[in-house]
Protein backbone atom coordinates (compact mmCIF):
# COMPACT_ATOMS: atom_id res chain seq x y z
CA MET A 1 7.94 4.67 -6.13
CA SER A 2 10.30 3.70 -8.90
CA LEU A 3 11.77 0.23 -9.17
CA GLN A 4 15.29 1.56 -8.66
CA THR A 5 14.25 3.48 -5.52
CA HIS A 6 12.59 0.39 -4.09
CA LEU A 7 15.63 -1.76 -4.87
CA SER A 8 17.89 0.81 -3.20
CA GLN A 9 15.74 0.75 -0.07
CA LEU A 10 15.82 -3.05 0.01
CA ALA A 11 19.60 -3.02 -0.46
CA ARG A 12 20.02 -0.63 2.49
CA LYS A 13 17.85 -2.88 4.67
CA HIS A 14 19.89 -5.89 3.51
CA GLU A 15 23.15 -4.15 4.47
CA ALA A 16 21.72 -3.12 7.84
CA LEU A 17 20.72 -6.70 8.56
CA GLU A 18 24.22 -7.87 7.65
CA ARG A 19 25.67 -5.44 10.21
CA GLU A 20 23.11 -6.58 12.78
CA ILE A 21 24.01 -10.23 12.12
CA GLN A 22 27.73 -9.51 12.55
CA ASP A 23 27.03 -7.64 15.80
CA ALA A 24 24.87 -10.51 17.06
CA ILE A 25 27.51 -13.11 16.19
CA HIS A 26 30.07 -11.24 18.28
CA ARG A 27 27.66 -10.61 21.18
CA PRO A 28 27.72 -13.51 23.66
CA SER A 29 24.12 -12.86 24.72
CA SER A 30 22.76 -13.53 21.22
CA SER A 31 21.11 -16.88 20.73
CA ASP A 32 21.47 -19.05 17.66
CA GLN A 33 17.73 -18.63 17.13
CA GLN A 34 18.05 -14.82 17.02
CA ILE A 35 20.89 -15.03 14.53
CA ALA A 36 18.97 -17.52 12.38
CA GLU A 37 15.96 -15.18 12.31
CA LEU A 38 18.13 -12.26 11.18
CA LYS A 39 19.66 -14.42 8.45
CA ARG A 40 16.19 -15.54 7.34
CA ARG A 41 15.04 -11.91 7.06
CA LYS A 42 18.20 -11.02 5.12
CA LEU A 43 17.61 -13.89 2.70
CA GLN A 44 13.99 -12.80 2.19
CA LEU A 45 15.19 -9.32 1.25
CA LYS A 46 17.75 -10.75 -1.17
CA ASP A 47 15.08 -12.97 -2.75
CA GLU A 48 12.76 -9.97 -3.12
CA MET A 49 15.52 -7.90 -4.75
CA ASN A 50 16.34 -10.73 -7.17
CA ARG A 51 12.67 -11.20 -8.04
CA LEU A 52 12.20 -7.49 -8.72
CA GLN A 53 15.33 -7.32 -10.84
CA ALA A 54 14.28 -10.38 -12.85
CA ASN A 55 10.74 -9.10 -13.42
CA GLY A 56 11.65 -5.45 -13.76
CA THR A 57 8.41 -4.46 -12.07
CA LEU A 58 7.07 -3.69 -8.61
CA HIS A 59 4.38 -5.93 -7.13
């Protein structure tokens, strides 16, 4: 898989998590813990994308 393809996949997952976070924020049944977990996963994806872009390689 090329670096660009992998980055595109990570970006799509990041966007999907953002939508999921927004849905959870507006859903009364969502707990703060659930929202925090979604945000943590989103941040991990962003960190991975930044690392790949900085290194220019897949690991």
